């Protein structure tokens, strides 16, 4: 079942899984290591930089992705409605 799913993926989805997922996991591993080992030594400014450099871009990218998906789905729906007339 997993092999069939992998074969049905488009090339850009495979590229995402092969390149970006390990990069994201490696980054999260480094962040968790930083927070686990050095949490007491971090200042308020360090925490703010962490938020601005990590969570803000991720949340912004997620928000933009959701908006683009909604726009694409609306466009597909409008085209189907137009063709059904």
PDB file of N, CA and C in Angstrom:
ATOM      1  N   UNK A   1       0.819  -1.186   0.000  1.00  0.00           N
ATOM      2  CA  UNK A   1       0.000   0.000   0.000  1.00  0.00           C
ATOM      3  C   UNK A   1       0.873   1.264   0.000  1.00  0.00           C
ATOM      4  N   UNK A   2       1.918   1.284   0.802  1.00  0.00           N
ATOM      5  CA  UNK A   2       2.808   2.436   0.870  1.00  0.00           C
ATOM      6  C   UNK A   2       3.584   2.611  -0.436  1.00  0.00           C
ATOM      7  N   UNK A   3       3.987   1.497  -1.038  1.00  0.00           N
ATOM      8  CA  UNK A   3       4.723   1.564  -2.309  1.00  0.00           C
ATOM      9  C   UNK A   3       3.816   2.103  -3.417  1.00  0.00           C
ATOM     10  N   UNK A   4       2.558   1.670  -3.430  1.00  0.00           N
ATOM     11  CA  UNK A   4       1.612   2.163  -4.426  1.00  0.00           C
ATOM     12  C   UNK A   4       1.383   3.664  -4.237  1.00  0.00           C
ATOM     13  N   UNK A   5       1.261   4.098  -2.986  1.00  0.00           N
ATOM     14  CA  UNK A   5       1.080   5.521  -2.691  1.00  0.00           C
ATOM     15  C   UNK A   5       2.289   6.318  -3.177  1.00  0.00           C
ATOM     16  N   UNK A   6       3.492   5.784  -2.944  1.00  0.00           N
ATOM     17  CA  UNK A   6       4.719   6.483  -3.351  1.00  0.00           C
ATOM     18  C   UNK A   6       4.808   6.591  -4.876  1.00  0.00           C
ATOM     19  N   UNK A   7       4.423   5.519  -5.580  1.00  0.00           N
ATOM     20  CA  UNK A   7       4.491   5.536  -7.045  1.00  0.00           C
ATOM     21  C   UNK A   7       3.484   6.509  -7.651  1.00  0.00           C
ATOM     22  N   UNK A   8       2.382   6.741  -6.970  1.00  0.00           N
ATOM     23  CA  UNK A   8       1.356   7.649  -7.486  1.00  0.00           C
ATOM     24  C   UNK A   8       1.663   9.119  -7.210  1.00  0.00           C
ATOM     25  N   UNK A   9       2.675   9.394  -6.394  1.00  0.00           N
ATOM     26  CA  UNK A   9       3.027  10.782  -6.097  1.00  0.00           C
ATOM     27  C   UNK A   9       3.662  11.448  -7.311  1.00  0.00           C
ATOM     28  N   UNK A  10       3.411  12.725  -7.465  1.00  0.00           N
ATOM     29  CA  UNK A  10       4.070  13.500  -8.513  1.00  0.00           C
ATOM     30  C   UNK A  10       5.521  13.723  -8.115  1.00  0.00           C
ATOM     31  N   UNK A  11       6.356  14.086  -9.091  1.00  0.00           N
ATOM     32  CA  UNK A  11       7.790  14.228  -8.820  1.00  0.00           C
ATOM     33  C   UNK A  11       8.077  15.328  -7.810  1.00  0.00           C
ATOM     34  N   UNK A  12       7.296  16.409  -7.825  1.00  0.00           N
ATOM     35  CA  UNK A  12       7.571  17.496  -6.890  1.00  0.00           C
ATOM     36  C   UNK A  12       7.181  17.117  -5.464  1.00  0.00           C
ATOM     37  N   UNK A  13       6.177  16.248  -5.304  1.00  0.00           N
ATOM     38  CA  UNK A  13       5.842  15.766  -3.968  1.00  0.00           C
ATOM     39  C   UNK A  13       6.939  14.847  -3.438  1.00  0.00           C
ATOM     40  N   UNK A  14       7.493  14.010  -4.310  1.00  0.00           N
ATOM     41  CA  UNK A  14       8.604  13.150  -3.894  1.00  0.00           C
ATOM     42  C   UNK A  14       9.810  13.988  -3.499  1.00  0.00           C
ATOM     43  N   UNK A  15      10.082  15.046  -4.268  1.00  0.00           N
ATOM     44  CA  UNK A  15      11.189  15.945  -3.942  1.00  0.00           C
ATOM     45  C   UNK A  15      10.986  16.558  -2.564  1.00  0.00           C
ATOM     46  N   UNK A  16       9.744  16.962  -2.272  1.00  0.00           N
ATOM     47  CA  UNK A  16       9.445  17.537  -0.963  1.00  0.00           C
ATOM     48  C   UNK A  16       9.737  16.536   0.148  1.00  0.00           C
ATOM     49  N   UNK A  17       9.272  15.306  -0.019  1.00  0.00           N
ATOM     50  CA  UNK A  17       9.487  14.299   1.014  1.00  0.00           C
ATOM     51  C   UNK A  17      10.968  13.972   1.192  1.00  0.00           C
ATOM     52  N   UNK A  18      11.703  13.903   0.094  1.00  0.00           N
ATOM     53  CA  UNK A  18      13.109  13.505   0.167  1.00  0.00           C
ATOM     54  C   UNK A  18      13.990  14.624   0.710  1.00  0.00           C
ATOM     55  N   UNK A  19      13.710  15.871   0.339  1.00  0.00           N
ATOM     56  CA  UNK A  19      14.596  16.982   0.709  1.00  0.00           C
ATOM     57  C   UNK A  19      14.110  17.733   1.940  1.00  0.00           C
ATOM     58  N   UNK A  20      12.864  18.160   1.933  1.00  0.00           N
ATOM     59  CA  UNK A  20      12.426  19.081   2.969  1.00  0.00           C
ATOM     60  C   UNK A  20      12.065  18.412   4.288  1.00  0.00           C
ATOM     61  N   UNK A  21      11.468  17.243   4.259  1.00  0.00           N
ATOM     62  CA  UNK A  21      11.093  16.579   5.513  1.00  0.00           C
ATOM     63  C   UNK A  21      12.331  16.292   6.369  1.00  0.00           C
ATOM     64  N   UNK A  22      13.411  15.695   5.830  1.00  0.00           N
ATOM     65  CA  UNK A  22      14.609  15.513   6.672  1.00  0.00           C
ATOM     66  C   UNK A  22      15.202  16.839   7.147  1.00  0.00           C
ATOM     67  N   UNK A  23      15.156  17.865   6.303  1.00  0.00           N
ATOM     68  CA  UNK A  23      15.687  19.170   6.716  1.00  0.00           C
ATOM     69  C   UNK A  23      14.867  19.749   7.862  1.00  0.00           C
ATOM     70  N   UNK A  24      13.567  19.628   7.786  1.00  0.00           N
ATOM     71  CA  UNK A  24      12.702  20.119   8.857  1.00  0.00           C
ATOM     72  C   UNK A  24      12.951  19.332  10.136  1.00  0.00           C
ATOM     73  N   UNK A  25      13.047  18.013  10.025  1.00  0.00           N
ATOM     74  CA  UNK A  25      13.304  17.193  11.213  1.00  0.00           C
ATOM     75  C   UNK A  25      14.658  17.511  11.832  1.00  0.00           C
ATOM     76  N   UNK A  26      15.672  17.719  11.008  1.00  0.00           N
ATOM     77  CA  UNK A  26      16.996  18.069  11.517  1.00  0.00           C
ATOM     78  C   UNK A  26      16.961  19.419  12.241  1.00  0.00           C
ATOM     79  N   UNK A  27      16.241  20.376  11.673  1.00  0.00           N
ATOM     80  CA  UNK A  27      16.115  21.691  12.304  1.00  0.00           C
ATOM     81  C   UNK A  27      15.382  21.587  13.632  1.00  0.00           C
ATOM     82  N   UNK A  28      14.287  20.852  13.661  1.00  0.00           N
ATOM     83  CA  UNK A  28      13.543  20.689  14.915  1.00  0.00           C
ATOM     84  C   UNK A  28      14.366  19.958  15.962  1.00  0.00           C
ATOM     85  N   UNK A  29      15.172  18.988  15.531  1.00  0.00           N
ATOM     86  CA  UNK A  29      16.053  18.286  16.462  1.00  0.00           C
ATOM     87  C   UNK A  29      17.062  19.262  17.070  1.00  0.00           C
ATOM     88  N   UNK A  30      17.648  20.124  16.242  1.00  0.00           N
ATOM     89  CA  UNK A  30      18.604  21.112  16.742  1.00  0.00           C
ATOM     90  C   UNK A  30      17.962  22.100  17.693  1.00  0.00           C
ATOM     91  N   UNK A  31      16.745  22.539  17.377  1.00  0.00           N
ATOM     92  CA  UNK A  31      16.040  23.480  18.243  1.00  0.00           C
ATOM     93  C   UNK A  31      15.716  22.833  19.579  1.00  0.00           C
ATOM     94  N   UNK A  32      15.229  21.596  19.539  1.00  0.00           N
ATOM     95  CA  UNK A  32      14.897  20.921  20.798  1.00  0.00           C
ATOM     96  C   UNK A  32      16.149  20.681  21.627  1.00  0.00           C
ATOM     97  N   UNK A  33      17.261  20.351  20.983  1.00  0.00           N
ATOM     98  CA  UNK A  33      18.521  20.169  21.703  1.00  0.00           C
ATOM     99  C   UNK A  33      18.949  21.474  22.367  1.00  0.00           C
ATOM    100  N   UNK A  34      18.814  22.580  21.648  1.00  0.00           N
ATOM    101  CA  UNK A  34      19.152  23.889  22.206  1.00  0.00           C
ATOM    102  C   UNK A  34      18.295  24.192  23.429  1.00  0.00           C
ATOM    103  N   UNK A  35      17.000  23.964  23.312  1.00  0.00           N
ATOM    104  CA  UNK A  35      16.111  24.291  24.417  1.00  0.00           C
ATOM    105  C   UNK A  35      16.276  23.341  25.597  1.00  0.00           C
ATOM    106  N   UNK A  36      16.538  22.081  25.335  1.00  0.00           N
ATOM    107  CA  UNK A  36      16.697  21.120  26.432  1.00  0.00           C
ATOM    108  C   UNK A  36      17.985  21.379  27.201  1.00  0.00           C
ATOM    109  N   UNK A  37      19.076  21.646  26.490  1.00  0.00           N
ATOM    110  CA  UNK A  37      20.375  21.771  27.148  1.00  0.00           C
ATOM    111  C   UNK A  37      20.698  23.171  27.647  1.00  0.00           C
ATOM    112  N   UNK A  38      20.144  24.191  27.021  1.00  0.00           N
ATOM    113  CA  UNK A  38      20.551  25.560  27.356  1.00  0.00           C
ATOM    114  C   UNK A  38      19.389  26.458  27.756  1.00  0.00           C
ATOM    115  N   UNK A  39      18.268  25.883  28.142  1.00  0.00           N
ATOM    116  CA  UNK A  39      17.079  26.689  28.429  1.00  0.00           C
ATOM    117  C   UNK A  39      17.331  27.710  29.536  1.00  0.00           C
ATOM    118  N   UNK A  40      18.020  27.316  30.602  1.00  0.00           N
ATOM    119  CA  UNK A  40      18.245  28.221  31.734  1.00  0.00           C
ATOM    120  C   UNK A  40      19.162  29.384  31.373  1.00  0.00           C
ATOM    121  N   UNK A  41      20.002  29.216  30.360  1.00  0.00           N
ATOM    122  CA  UNK A  41      20.953  30.261  29.991  1.00  0.00           C
ATOM    123  C   UNK A  41      20.386  31.263  28.988  1.00  0.00           C
ATOM    124  N   UNK A  42      19.219  30.979  28.426  1.00  0.00           N
ATOM    125  CA  UNK A  42      18.647  31.858  27.410  1.00  0.00           C
ATOM    126  C   UNK A  42      17.973  33.065  28.055  1.00  0.00           C
ATOM    127  N   UNK A  43      18.157  34.228  27.449  1.00  0.00           N
ATOM    128  CA  UNK A  43      17.531  35.453  27.945  1.00  0.00           C
ATOM    129  C   UNK A  43      16.206  35.678  27.222  1.00  0.00           C
ATOM    130  N   UNK A  44      15.496  36.716  27.652  1.00  0.00           N
ATOM    131  CA  UNK A  44      14.231  37.061  27.009  1.00  0.00           C
ATOM    132  C   UNK A  44      14.447  37.385  25.530  1.00  0.00           C
ATOM    133  N   UNK A  45      15.532  38.091  25.230  1.00  0.00           N
ATOM    134  CA  UNK A  45      15.827  38.436  23.838  1.00  0.00           C
ATOM    135  C   UNK A  45      16.093  37.184  23.001  1.00  0.00           C
ATOM    136  N   UNK A  46      16.756  36.198  23.604  1.00  0.00           N
ATOM    137  CA  UNK A  46      16.990  34.934  22.888  1.00  0.00           C
ATOM    138  C   UNK A  46      15.672  34.240  22.562  1.00  0.00           C
ATOM    139  N   UNK A  47      14.748  34.257  23.529  1.00  0.00           N
ATOM    140  CA  UNK A  47      13.447  33.628  23.297  1.00  0.00           C
ATOM    141  C   UNK A  47      12.670  34.369  22.204  1.00  0.00           C
ATOM    142  N   UNK A  48      12.748  35.693  22.209  1.00  0.00           N
ATOM    143  CA  UNK A  48      12.051  36.473  21.184  1.00  0.00           C
ATOM    144  C   UNK A  48      12.657  36.225  19.804  1.00  0.00           C
ATOM    145  N   UNK A  49      13.976  36.157  19.725  1.00  0.00           N
ATOM    146  CA  UNK A  49      14.616  35.858  18.438  1.00  0.00           C
ATOM    147  C   UNK A  49      14.237  34.463  17.960  1.00  0.00           C
ATOM    148  N   UNK A  50      14.175  33.520  18.896  1.00  0.00           N
ATOM    149  CA  UNK A  50      13.755  32.162  18.553  1.00  0.00           C
ATOM    150  C   UNK A  50      12.357  32.191  17.945  1.00  0.00           C
ATOM    151  N   UNK A  51      11.443  32.915  18.598  1.00  0.00           N
ATOM    152  CA  UNK A  51      10.073  33.002  18.084  1.00  0.00           C
ATOM    153  C   UNK A  51      10.048  33.649  16.703  1.00  0.00           C
ATOM    154  N   UNK A  52      10.754  34.772  16.571  1.00  0.00           N
ATOM    155  CA  UNK A  52      10.707  35.504  15.306  1.00  0.00           C
ATOM    156  C   UNK A  52      11.379  34.742  14.171  1.00  0.00           C
ATOM    157  N   UNK A  53      12.408  33.980  14.473  1.00  0.00           N
ATOM    158  CA  UNK A  53      13.132  33.263  13.419  1.00  0.00           C
ATOM    159  C   UNK A  53      12.519  31.914  13.075  1.00  0.00           C
ATOM    160  N   UNK A  54      11.826  31.296  14.011  1.00  0.00           N
ATOM    161  CA  UNK A  54      11.302  29.947  13.773  1.00  0.00           C
ATOM    162  C   UNK A  54       9.782  29.951  13.619  1.00  0.00           C
ATOM    163  N   UNK A  55       9.064  30.311  14.664  1.00  0.00           N
ATOM    164  CA  UNK A  55       7.615  30.138  14.650  1.00  0.00           C
ATOM    165  C   UNK A  55       6.893  31.140  13.758  1.00  0.00           C
ATOM    166  N   UNK A  56       7.346  32.370  13.719  1.00  0.00           N
ATOM    167  CA  UNK A  56       6.672  33.359  12.881  1.00  0.00           C
ATOM    168  C   UNK A  56       6.727  32.993  11.399  1.00  0.00           C
ATOM    169  N   UNK A  57       7.902  32.644  10.836  1.00  0.00           N
ATOM    170  CA  UNK A  57       7.912  32.244   9.416  1.00  0.00           C
ATOM    171  C   UNK A  57       7.092  30.988   9.136  1.00  0.00           C
ATOM    172  N   UNK A  58       7.117  30.033  10.069  1.00  0.00           N
ATOM    173  CA  UNK A  58       6.336  28.806   9.865  1.00  0.00           C
ATOM    174  C   UNK A  58       4.846  29.125   9.866  1.00  0.00           C
ATOM    175  N   UNK A  59       4.406  29.948  10.823  1.00  0.00           N
ATOM    176  CA  UNK A  59       2.983  30.291  10.880  1.00  0.00           C
ATOM    177  C   UNK A  59       2.573  31.131   9.674  1.00  0.00           C
ATOM    178  N   UNK A  60       3.444  32.027   9.232  1.00  0.00           N
ATOM    179  CA  UNK A  60       3.145  32.841   8.058  1.00  0.00           C
ATOM    180  C   UNK A  60       3.055  31.974   6.799  1.00  0.00           C
ATOM    181  N   UNK A  61       3.988  31.050   6.639  1.00  0.00           N
ATOM    182  CA  UNK A  61       3.962  30.153   5.479  1.00  0.00           C
ATOM    183  C   UNK A  61       2.716  29.272   5.499  1.00  0.00           C
ATOM    184  N   UNK A  62       2.328  28.800   6.681  1.00  0.00           N
ATOM    185  CA  UNK A  62       1.120  27.985   6.798  1.00  0.00           C
ATOM    186  C   UNK A  62      -0.114  28.792   6.415  1.00  0.00           C
ATOM    187  N   UNK A  63      -0.183  30.021   6.906  1.00  0.00           N
ATOM    188  CA  UNK A  63      -1.312  30.895   6.589  1.00  0.00           C
ATOM    189  C   UNK A  63      -1.407  31.159   5.086  1.00  0.00           C
ATOM    190  N   UNK A  64      -0.281  31.458   4.456  1.00  0.00           N
ATOM    191  CA  UNK A  64      -0.267  31.727   3.017  1.00  0.00           C
ATOM    192  C   UNK A  64      -0.656  30.476   2.233  1.00  0.00           C
ATOM    193  N   UNK A  65      -0.169  29.314   2.677  1.00  0.00           N
ATOM    194  CA  UNK A  65      -0.517  28.056   2.010  1.00  0.00           C
ATOM    195  C   UNK A  65      -2.013  27.796   2.083  1.00  0.00           C
ATOM    196  N   UNK A  66      -2.608  28.044   3.244  1.00  0.00           N
ATOM    197  CA  UNK A  66      -4.049  27.841   3.405  1.00  0.00           C
ATOM    198  C   UNK A  66      -4.823  28.787   2.497  1.00  0.00           C
ATOM    199  N   UNK A  67      -4.399  30.051   2.445  1.00  0.00           N
ATOM    200  CA  UNK A  67      -5.083  31.010   1.572  1.00  0.00           C
ATOM    201  C   UNK A  67      -4.975  30.610   0.106  1.00  0.00           C
ATOM    202  N   UNK A  68      -3.788  30.172  -0.312  1.00  0.00           N
ATOM    203  CA  UNK A  68      -3.605  29.757  -1.707  1.00  0.00           C
ATOM    204  C   UNK A  68      -4.452  28.530  -2.034  1.00  0.00           C
ATOM    205  N   UNK A  69      -4.528  27.596  -1.097  1.00  0.00           N
ATOM    206  CA  UNK A  69      -5.331  26.393  -1.333  1.00  0.00           C
ATOM    207  C   UNK A  69      -6.812  26.757  -1.458  1.00  0.00           C
ATOM    208  N   UNK A  70      -7.288  27.644  -0.584  1.00  0.00           N
ATOM    209  CA  UNK A  70      -8.690  28.068  -0.669  1.00  0.00           C
ATOM    210  C   UNK A  70      -8.965  28.772  -1.994  1.00  0.00           C
ATOM    211  N   UNK A  71      -8.017  29.609  -2.417  1.00  0.00           N
ATOM    212  CA  UNK A  71      -8.185  30.326  -3.681  1.00  0.00           C
ATOM    213  C   UNK A  71      -8.219  29.338  -4.847  1.00  0.00           C
ATOM    214  N   UNK A  72      -7.331  28.348  -4.813  1.00  0.00           N
ATOM    215  CA  UNK A  72      -7.296  27.347  -5.881  1.00  0.00           C
ATOM    216  C   UNK A  72      -8.582  26.525  -5.895  1.00  0.00           C
ATOM    217  N   UNK A  73      -9.045  26.100  -4.708  1.00  0.00           N
ATOM    218  CA  UNK A  73     -10.275  25.309  -4.643  1.00  0.00           C
ATOM    219  C   UNK A  73     -11.480  26.110  -5.123  1.00  0.00           C
ATOM    220  N   UNK A  74     -11.521  27.407  -4.791  1.00  0.00           N
ATOM    221  CA  UNK A  74     -12.616  28.253  -5.263  1.00  0.00           C
ATOM    222  C   UNK A  74     -12.564  28.391  -6.781  1.00  0.00           C
ATOM    223  N   UNK A  75     -11.367  28.550  -7.323  1.00  0.00           N
ATOM    224  CA  UNK A  75     -11.222  28.663  -8.774  1.00  0.00           C
ATOM    225  C   UNK A  75     -11.679  27.382  -9.469  1.00  0.00           C
ATOM    226  N   UNK A  76     -11.290  26.232  -8.932  1.00  0.00           N
ATOM    227  CA  UNK A  76     -11.718  24.950  -9.502  1.00  0.00           C
ATOM    228  C   UNK A  76     -13.236  24.821  -9.435  1.00  0.00           C
ATOM    229  N   UNK A  77     -13.814  25.203  -8.300  1.00  0.00           N
ATOM    230  CA  UNK A  77     -15.266  25.128  -8.144  1.00  0.00           C
ATOM    231  C   UNK A  77     -15.967  26.053  -9.136  1.00  0.00           C
ATOM    232  N   UNK A  78     -15.455  27.269  -9.304  1.00  0.00           N
ATOM    233  CA  UNK A  78     -16.053  28.213 -10.261  1.00  0.00           C
ATOM    234  C   UNK A  78     -15.966  27.690 -11.690  1.00  0.00           C
ATOM    235  N   UNK A  79     -14.841  27.085 -12.036  1.00  0.00           N
ATOM    236  CA  UNK A  79     -14.689  26.528 -13.387  1.00  0.00           C
ATOM    237  C   UNK A  79     -15.666  25.376 -13.605  1.00  0.00           C
ATOM    238  N   UNK A  80     -15.804  24.498 -12.609  1.00  0.00           N
ATOM    239  CA  UNK A  80     -16.753  23.384 -12.739  1.00  0.00           C
ATOM    240  C   UNK A  80     -18.180  23.897 -12.879  1.00  0.00           C
ATOM    241  N   UNK A  81     -18.532  24.910 -12.073  1.00  0.00           N
ATOM    242  CA  UNK A  81     -19.882  25.481 -12.175  1.00  0.00           C
ATOM    243  C   UNK A  81     -20.109  26.109 -13.542  1.00  0.00           C
ATOM    244  N   UNK A  82     -19.100  26.776 -14.066  1.00  0.00           N
ATOM    245  CA  UNK A  82     -19.219  27.403 -15.388  1.00  0.00           C
ATOM    246  C   UNK A  82     -19.383  26.348 -16.485  1.00  0.00           C
ATOM    247  N   UNK A  83     -18.608  25.265 -16.375  1.00  0.00           N
ATOM    248  CA  UNK A  83     -18.684  24.213 -17.395  1.00  0.00           C
ATOM    249  C   UNK A  83     -19.982  23.419 -17.304  1.00  0.00           C
ATOM    250  N   UNK A  84     -20.572  23.340 -16.114  1.00  0.00           N
ATOM    251  CA  UNK A  84     -21.825  22.599 -15.943  1.00  0.00           C
ATOM    252  C   UNK A  84     -23.035  23.350 -16.494  1.00  0.00           C
ATOM    253  N   UNK A  85     -22.893  24.648 -16.709  1.00  0.00           N
ATOM    254  CA  UNK A  85     -24.035  25.437 -17.216  1.00  0.00           C
ATOM    255  C   UNK A  85     -24.375  25.072 -18.641  1.00  0.00           C
TER     256      UNK A  85
END
